[in-house]
Amino acid sequence: MKRLLRFLLILAALAGVAGVAVLVRRAWPRPAAPAPAGAISAERPQAPLEAPSDLPPQAEGPAAKPLEAAPESPPDAEDLAEIWGIGPVFRGRLAHAGITSFASLAAASPAAVAAATGVPEERAAGWIAEAAARAHR
């Protein structure tokens, strides 16, 4: 009986440690890995802050220009976000690469989709397969 209670106590302690580890992992973001050359940044462009009117205007230059937003897909294009795993960020990256419909995604190679979005080729191949199924509907 003592062995059983000891075993259950150890099991409960391990479950508690595992639960804490999951919570800690979710609370702290992972450090960002360096992006491969030519990859599109996942960071959202920030709107420039408005300068107070009592300050003199800043000089023109590359640092003073606002960042451009990622191109949105045309309104008449199919919504690639219907595919599982493609959200607004990946849809914008695909649109930047010229992929705006199920047919164009189905015709793309996994390597090209992976390079445009920064996802593994296996995931890109899954998107392509789902797009091919949706394009033939």
N, C-alpha and C. Protein backbone atom coordinates (compact mmCIF):
# COMPACT_ATOMS: atom_id res chain seq x y z
N MET A 1 0.81 -1.19 0.00
CA MET A 1 0.00 0.00 0.00
C MET A 1 0.86 1.26 0.00
N LYS A 2 1.95 1.24 0.79
CA LYS A 2 2.83 2.39 0.83
C LYS A 2 3.49 2.61 -0.53
N ARG A 3 3.84 1.54 -1.21
CA ARG A 3 4.45 1.67 -2.54
C ARG A 3 3.48 2.31 -3.52
N LEU A 4 2.23 1.91 -3.46
CA LEU A 4 1.22 2.48 -4.34
C LEU A 4 1.05 3.97 -4.08
N LEU A 5 0.96 4.35 -2.81
CA LEU A 5 0.83 5.77 -2.47
C LEU A 5 2.06 6.56 -2.90
N ARG A 6 3.25 5.99 -2.70
CA ARG A 6 4.47 6.65 -3.11
C ARG A 6 4.50 6.82 -4.64
N PHE A 7 4.08 5.77 -5.35
CA PHE A 7 4.04 5.83 -6.82
C PHE A 7 3.07 6.92 -7.28
N LEU A 8 1.88 6.99 -6.68
CA LEU A 8 0.90 8.01 -7.05
C LEU A 8 1.39 9.41 -6.72
N LEU A 9 2.10 9.55 -5.62
CA LEU A 9 2.65 10.86 -5.25
C LEU A 9 3.71 11.30 -6.26
N ILE A 10 4.57 10.38 -6.65
CA ILE A 10 5.59 10.71 -7.66
C ILE A 10 4.94 11.04 -8.99
N LEU A 11 3.91 10.28 -9.36
CA LEU A 11 3.20 10.52 -10.61
C LEU A 11 2.53 11.90 -10.60
N ALA A 12 1.93 12.28 -9.50
CA ALA A 12 1.29 13.59 -9.38
C ALA A 12 2.33 14.71 -9.46
N ALA A 13 3.48 14.50 -8.84
CA ALA A 13 4.53 15.51 -8.89
C ALA A 13 5.04 15.69 -10.31
N LEU A 14 5.22 14.59 -11.02
CA LEU A 14 5.68 14.69 -12.42
C LEU A 14 4.65 15.40 -13.29
N ALA A 15 3.37 15.11 -13.06
CA ALA A 15 2.31 15.79 -13.83
C ALA A 15 2.32 17.28 -13.54
N GLY A 16 2.56 17.65 -12.29
CA GLY A 16 2.62 19.07 -11.94
C GLY A 16 3.80 19.76 -12.60
N VAL A 17 4.95 19.10 -12.62
CA VAL A 17 6.13 19.68 -13.27
C VAL A 17 5.89 19.83 -14.76
N ALA A 18 5.27 18.83 -15.38
CA ALA A 18 4.99 18.92 -16.81
C ALA A 18 4.01 20.05 -17.10
N GLY A 19 3.01 20.23 -16.25
CA GLY A 19 2.06 21.32 -16.44
C GLY A 19 2.70 22.68 -16.32
N VAL A 20 3.60 22.83 -15.36
CA VAL A 20 4.32 24.10 -15.20
C VAL A 20 5.22 24.35 -16.40
N ALA A 21 5.85 23.30 -16.90
CA ALA A 21 6.73 23.46 -18.06
C ALA A 21 5.95 23.94 -19.27
N VAL A 22 4.74 23.42 -19.46
CA VAL A 22 3.91 23.85 -20.59
C VAL A 22 3.52 25.31 -20.42
N LEU A 23 3.14 25.71 -19.22
CA LEU A 23 2.75 27.10 -18.99
C LEU A 23 3.92 28.05 -19.19
N VAL A 24 5.10 27.67 -18.73
CA VAL A 24 6.27 28.52 -18.89
C VAL A 24 6.63 28.64 -20.36
N ARG A 25 6.56 27.54 -21.08
CA ARG A 25 6.90 27.56 -22.50
C ARG A 25 5.96 28.47 -23.28
N ARG A 26 4.67 28.48 -22.91
CA ARG A 26 3.72 29.35 -23.59
C ARG A 26 3.90 30.81 -23.20
N ALA A 27 4.34 31.06 -21.98
CA ALA A 27 4.45 32.44 -21.49
C ALA A 27 5.64 33.17 -22.09
N TRP A 28 6.74 32.48 -22.33
CA TRP A 28 7.93 33.13 -22.86
C TRP A 28 8.08 32.83 -24.32
N PRO A 29 8.19 33.86 -25.15
CA PRO A 29 8.36 33.62 -26.59
C PRO A 29 9.75 33.05 -26.88
N ARG A 30 9.81 32.27 -27.91
CA ARG A 30 11.09 31.72 -28.34
C ARG A 30 11.89 32.81 -29.04
N PRO A 31 13.21 32.74 -28.97
CA PRO A 31 14.00 33.72 -29.72
C PRO A 31 13.82 33.47 -31.21
N ALA A 32 13.75 34.54 -31.95
CA ALA A 32 13.53 34.43 -33.39
C ALA A 32 14.81 33.94 -34.07
N ALA A 33 14.63 32.96 -34.94
CA ALA A 33 15.76 32.46 -35.72
C ALA A 33 16.03 33.44 -36.86
N PRO A 34 17.28 33.57 -37.27
CA PRO A 34 17.56 34.48 -38.38
C PRO A 34 16.87 33.99 -39.65
N ALA A 35 16.29 34.92 -40.39
CA ALA A 35 15.58 34.57 -41.61
C ALA A 35 16.58 34.24 -42.71
N PRO A 36 16.24 33.24 -43.56
CA PRO A 36 17.12 32.94 -44.68
C PRO A 36 17.18 34.10 -45.66
N ALA A 37 18.24 34.14 -46.43
CA ALA A 37 18.42 35.23 -47.40
C ALA A 37 17.26 35.23 -48.38
N GLY A 38 16.68 36.38 -48.62
CA GLY A 38 15.59 36.52 -49.58
C GLY A 38 14.22 36.23 -48.98
N ALA A 39 14.15 35.86 -47.71
CA ALA A 39 12.86 35.56 -47.08
C ALA A 39 12.12 36.86 -46.77
N ILE A 40 10.82 36.76 -46.73
CA ILE A 40 9.98 37.91 -46.43
C ILE A 40 9.84 38.00 -44.92
N SER A 41 9.94 39.18 -44.37
CA SER A 41 9.88 39.38 -42.93
C SER A 41 8.47 39.14 -42.40
N ALA A 42 8.38 38.52 -41.22
CA ALA A 42 7.09 38.25 -40.59
C ALA A 42 6.63 39.42 -39.74
N GLU A 43 7.47 40.42 -39.56
CA GLU A 43 7.12 41.55 -38.72
C GLU A 43 6.11 42.43 -39.42
N ARG A 44 5.17 42.91 -38.65
CA ARG A 44 4.17 43.81 -39.22
C ARG A 44 4.76 45.20 -39.33
N PRO A 45 4.49 45.89 -40.42
CA PRO A 45 4.99 47.26 -40.54
C PRO A 45 4.29 48.16 -39.52
N GLN A 46 5.05 49.06 -38.96
CA GLN A 46 4.52 49.98 -37.97
C GLN A 46 4.15 51.30 -38.65
N ALA A 47 3.01 51.84 -38.26
CA ALA A 47 2.62 53.14 -38.77
C ALA A 47 3.52 54.19 -38.14
N PRO A 48 3.95 55.17 -38.91
CA PRO A 48 4.82 56.19 -38.33
C PRO A 48 4.07 57.01 -37.29
N LEU A 49 4.78 57.37 -36.23
CA LEU A 49 4.18 58.19 -35.19
C LEU A 49 4.10 59.63 -35.68
N GLU A 50 3.03 60.30 -35.28
CA GLU A 50 2.88 61.69 -35.68
C GLU A 50 3.73 62.57 -34.77
N ALA A 51 4.46 63.48 -35.36
CA ALA A 51 5.30 64.39 -34.59
C ALA A 51 4.43 65.51 -34.03
N PRO A 52 4.72 65.96 -32.82
CA PRO A 52 3.98 67.09 -32.28
C PRO A 52 4.16 68.32 -33.17
N SER A 53 3.13 69.13 -33.24
CA SER A 53 3.15 70.27 -34.17
C SER A 53 4.15 71.35 -33.76
N ASP A 54 4.60 71.39 -32.51
CA ASP A 54 5.52 72.44 -32.09
C ASP A 54 6.98 72.10 -32.39
N LEU A 55 7.26 70.90 -32.90
CA LEU A 55 8.63 70.53 -33.26
C LEU A 55 8.88 70.82 -34.73
N PRO A 56 10.13 71.15 -35.10
CA PRO A 56 10.41 71.38 -36.51
C PRO A 56 10.32 70.06 -37.28
N PRO A 57 9.97 70.12 -38.57
CA PRO A 57 9.86 68.89 -39.35
C PRO A 57 11.23 68.22 -39.50
N GLN A 58 11.22 66.90 -39.57
CA GLN A 58 12.47 66.15 -39.72
C GLN A 58 12.91 66.17 -41.18
N ALA A 59 14.20 65.95 -41.36
CA ALA A 59 14.75 65.92 -42.71
C ALA A 59 14.23 64.69 -43.44
N GLU A 60 14.09 64.83 -44.76
CA GLU A 60 13.67 63.71 -45.59
C GLU A 60 14.81 62.72 -45.73
N GLY A 61 14.50 61.47 -45.84
CA GLY A 61 15.52 60.44 -46.00
C GLY A 61 14.91 59.07 -45.89
N PRO A 62 15.74 58.04 -46.08
CA PRO A 62 15.19 56.69 -46.04
C PRO A 62 14.60 56.33 -44.67
N ALA A 63 15.16 56.88 -43.59
CA ALA A 63 14.65 56.55 -42.26
C ALA A 63 13.30 57.23 -42.01
N ALA A 64 13.01 58.32 -42.69
CA ALA A 64 11.78 59.06 -42.46
C ALA A 64 10.60 58.48 -43.24
N LYS A 65 10.85 57.58 -44.19
CA LYS A 65 9.77 57.03 -45.00
C LYS A 65 9.05 55.93 -44.21
N PRO A 66 7.72 55.91 -44.26
CA PRO A 66 6.98 54.85 -43.56
C PRO A 66 7.16 53.52 -44.27
N LEU A 67 7.06 52.44 -43.50
CA LEU A 67 7.16 51.12 -44.08
C LEU A 67 5.90 50.82 -44.89
N GLU A 68 6.07 50.10 -45.99
CA GLU A 68 4.92 49.73 -46.81
C GLU A 68 4.29 48.47 -46.26
N ALA A 69 2.97 48.41 -46.32
CA ALA A 69 2.26 47.22 -45.86
C ALA A 69 2.39 46.11 -46.89
N ALA A 70 2.27 44.87 -46.45
CA ALA A 70 2.31 43.74 -47.36
C ALA A 70 1.12 43.84 -48.31
N PRO A 71 1.31 43.47 -49.57
CA PRO A 71 0.21 43.58 -50.52
C PRO A 71 -0.92 42.64 -50.14
N GLU A 72 -2.11 43.14 -50.19
CA GLU A 72 -3.29 42.32 -49.91
C GLU A 72 -3.72 41.65 -51.20
N SER A 73 -4.40 40.53 -51.07
CA SER A 73 -4.87 39.86 -52.26
C SER A 73 -6.02 40.67 -52.86
N PRO A 74 -6.16 40.64 -54.18
CA PRO A 74 -7.23 41.40 -54.82
C PRO A 74 -8.59 40.95 -54.30
N PRO A 75 -9.59 41.84 -54.29
CA PRO A 75 -10.88 41.48 -53.74
C PRO A 75 -11.57 40.35 -54.50
N ASP A 76 -11.30 40.19 -55.80
CA ASP A 76 -11.97 39.15 -56.56
C ASP A 76 -11.24 37.81 -56.47
N ALA A 77 -10.09 37.75 -55.82
CA ALA A 77 -9.34 36.51 -55.71
C ALA A 77 -9.97 35.60 -54.66
N GLU A 78 -9.70 34.30 -54.81
CA GLU A 78 -10.18 33.34 -53.82
C GLU A 78 -9.41 33.58 -52.52
N ASP A 79 -10.04 33.28 -51.42
CA ASP A 79 -9.40 33.52 -50.13
C ASP A 79 -8.57 32.30 -49.75
N LEU A 80 -7.25 32.42 -49.85
CA LEU A 80 -6.36 31.32 -49.52
C LEU A 80 -6.39 31.00 -48.03
N ALA A 81 -6.93 31.89 -47.22
CA ALA A 81 -7.01 31.65 -45.78
C ALA A 81 -8.02 30.55 -45.46
N GLU A 82 -8.80 30.10 -46.45
CA GLU A 82 -9.70 28.97 -46.23
C GLU A 82 -8.92 27.67 -46.07
N ILE A 83 -7.66 27.66 -46.52
CA ILE A 83 -6.82 26.49 -46.38
C ILE A 83 -6.27 26.47 -44.96
N TRP A 84 -6.31 25.29 -44.33
CA TRP A 84 -5.87 25.16 -42.95
C TRP A 84 -4.40 25.54 -42.85
N GLY A 85 -4.07 26.46 -41.96
CA GLY A 85 -2.70 26.87 -41.72
C GLY A 85 -2.31 28.16 -42.43
N ILE A 86 -3.14 28.64 -43.34
CA ILE A 86 -2.85 29.90 -44.03
C ILE A 86 -3.72 30.98 -43.39
N GLY A 87 -3.07 31.95 -42.79
CA GLY A 87 -3.77 33.08 -42.20
C GLY A 87 -3.41 34.34 -42.94
N PRO A 88 -3.67 35.48 -42.34
CA PRO A 88 -3.39 36.75 -43.01
C PRO A 88 -1.92 36.95 -43.36
N VAL A 89 -1.01 36.50 -42.50
CA VAL A 89 0.42 36.70 -42.75
C VAL A 89 0.87 35.87 -43.96
N PHE A 90 0.55 34.57 -43.93
CA PHE A 90 0.97 33.72 -45.04
C PHE A 90 0.22 34.09 -46.33
N ARG A 91 -1.04 34.51 -46.22
CA ARG A 91 -1.78 34.94 -47.40
C ARG A 91 -1.10 36.16 -48.03
N GLY A 92 -0.63 37.09 -47.20
CA GLY A 92 0.09 38.26 -47.72
C GLY A 92 1.41 37.88 -48.36
N ARG A 93 2.13 36.94 -47.75
CA ARG A 93 3.40 36.50 -48.34
C ARG A 93 3.18 35.79 -49.67
N LEU A 94 2.12 34.97 -49.74
CA LEU A 94 1.81 34.30 -51.01
C LEU A 94 1.40 35.32 -52.06
N ALA A 95 0.62 36.32 -51.67
CA ALA A 95 0.21 37.36 -52.63
C ALA A 95 1.42 38.13 -53.13
N HIS A 96 2.38 38.37 -52.23
CA HIS A 96 3.61 39.07 -52.63
C HIS A 96 4.39 38.25 -53.67
N ALA A 97 4.26 36.91 -53.59
CA ALA A 97 4.93 36.03 -54.55
C ALA A 97 4.08 35.79 -55.79
N GLY A 98 2.89 36.41 -55.87
CA GLY A 98 2.05 36.27 -57.05
C GLY A 98 1.07 35.11 -56.97
N ILE A 99 0.92 34.50 -55.82
CA ILE A 99 0.00 33.38 -55.64
C ILE A 99 -1.23 33.89 -54.92
N THR A 100 -2.35 34.04 -55.68
CA THR A 100 -3.55 34.64 -55.11
C THR A 100 -4.79 33.77 -55.27
N SER A 101 -4.67 32.61 -55.88
CA SER A 101 -5.83 31.75 -56.08
C SER A 101 -5.46 30.31 -55.79
N PHE A 102 -6.49 29.48 -55.64
CA PHE A 102 -6.24 28.06 -55.40
C PHE A 102 -5.50 27.43 -56.58
N ALA A 103 -5.86 27.83 -57.80
CA ALA A 103 -5.21 27.26 -58.98
C ALA A 103 -3.74 27.65 -59.04
N SER A 104 -3.42 28.90 -58.71
CA SER A 104 -2.01 29.31 -58.77
C SER A 104 -1.20 28.65 -57.65
N LEU A 105 -1.82 28.42 -56.49
CA LEU A 105 -1.13 27.71 -55.41
C LEU A 105 -0.95 26.24 -55.78
N ALA A 106 -1.97 25.64 -56.40
CA ALA A 106 -1.87 24.24 -56.81
C ALA A 106 -0.80 24.03 -57.87
N ALA A 107 -0.55 25.05 -58.68
CA ALA A 107 0.44 24.94 -59.75
C ALA A 107 1.86 25.24 -59.27
N ALA A 108 2.00 25.78 -58.07
CA ALA A 108 3.32 26.15 -57.55
C ALA A 108 4.04 24.93 -57.00
N SER A 109 5.35 25.02 -56.96
CA SER A 109 6.15 23.92 -56.40
C SER A 109 6.27 24.12 -54.88
N PRO A 110 6.41 23.02 -54.14
CA PRO A 110 6.57 23.16 -52.69
C PRO A 110 7.78 24.01 -52.31
N ALA A 111 8.85 23.91 -53.09
CA ALA A 111 10.04 24.70 -52.79
C ALA A 111 9.77 26.19 -52.95
N ALA A 112 9.02 26.57 -53.99
CA ALA A 112 8.72 27.98 -54.22
C ALA A 112 7.80 28.53 -53.12
N VAL A 113 6.80 27.74 -52.73
CA VAL A 113 5.88 28.18 -51.68
C VAL A 113 6.63 28.28 -50.34
N ALA A 114 7.50 27.31 -50.08
CA ALA A 114 8.28 27.34 -48.84
C ALA A 114 9.20 28.55 -48.81
N ALA A 115 9.81 28.87 -49.94
CA ALA A 115 10.71 30.03 -49.99
C ALA A 115 9.94 31.34 -49.81
N ALA A 116 8.73 31.41 -50.35
CA ALA A 116 7.95 32.64 -50.27
C ALA A 116 7.38 32.86 -48.88
N THR A 117 7.07 31.77 -48.16
CA THR A 117 6.38 31.91 -46.88
C THR A 117 7.27 31.64 -45.67
N GLY A 118 8.37 30.91 -45.88
CA GLY A 118 9.25 30.58 -44.76
C GLY A 118 8.79 29.36 -43.98
N VAL A 119 7.95 28.52 -44.57
CA VAL A 119 7.49 27.30 -43.90
C VAL A 119 8.25 26.11 -44.49
N PRO A 120 8.26 24.96 -43.80
CA PRO A 120 8.91 23.77 -44.36
C PRO A 120 8.19 23.31 -45.63
N GLU A 121 8.94 22.62 -46.49
CA GLU A 121 8.37 22.16 -47.76
C GLU A 121 7.22 21.17 -47.53
N GLU A 122 7.27 20.39 -46.47
CA GLU A 122 6.19 19.43 -46.19
C GLU A 122 4.88 20.17 -45.94
N ARG A 123 4.95 21.26 -45.21
CA ARG A 123 3.75 22.06 -44.94
C ARG A 123 3.25 22.71 -46.22
N ALA A 124 4.19 23.21 -47.02
CA ALA A 124 3.82 23.83 -48.30
C ALA A 124 3.17 22.79 -49.22
N ALA A 125 3.67 21.56 -49.21
CA ALA A 125 3.09 20.50 -50.04
C ALA A 125 1.66 20.20 -49.60
N GLY A 126 1.40 20.25 -48.30
CA GLY A 126 0.04 20.06 -47.80
C GLY A 126 -0.89 21.16 -48.28
N TRP A 127 -0.42 22.40 -48.24
CA TRP A 127 -1.22 23.52 -48.75
C TRP A 127 -1.52 23.34 -50.23
N ILE A 128 -0.51 22.90 -50.98
CA ILE A 128 -0.67 22.73 -52.43
C ILE A 128 -1.70 21.64 -52.70
N ALA A 129 -1.65 20.55 -51.95
CA ALA A 129 -2.62 19.47 -52.14
C ALA A 129 -4.04 19.94 -51.83
N GLU A 130 -4.20 20.70 -50.76
CA GLU A 130 -5.53 21.20 -50.42
C GLU A 130 -6.01 22.22 -51.44
N ALA A 131 -5.10 23.04 -51.95
CA ALA A 131 -5.48 24.02 -52.98
C ALA A 131 -5.89 23.30 -54.26
N ALA A 132 -5.20 22.23 -54.61
CA ALA A 132 -5.56 21.48 -55.81
C ALA A 132 -6.95 20.88 -55.67
N ALA A 133 -7.29 20.38 -54.48
CA ALA A 133 -8.62 19.83 -54.26
C ALA A 133 -9.67 20.92 -54.35
N ARG A 134 -9.38 22.10 -53.83
CA ARG A 134 -10.34 23.20 -53.89
C ARG A 134 -10.45 23.81 -55.28
N ALA A 135 -9.37 23.77 -56.04
CA ALA A 135 -9.40 24.35 -57.39
C ALA A 135 -10.26 23.53 -58.33
N HIS A 136 -10.41 22.24 -58.05
CA HIS A 136 -11.18 21.37 -58.94
C HIS A 136 -12.66 21.27 -58.55
N ARG A 137 -13.07 22.04 -57.56
CA ARG A 137 -14.47 22.01 -57.14
C ARG A 137 -15.34 22.75 -58.11
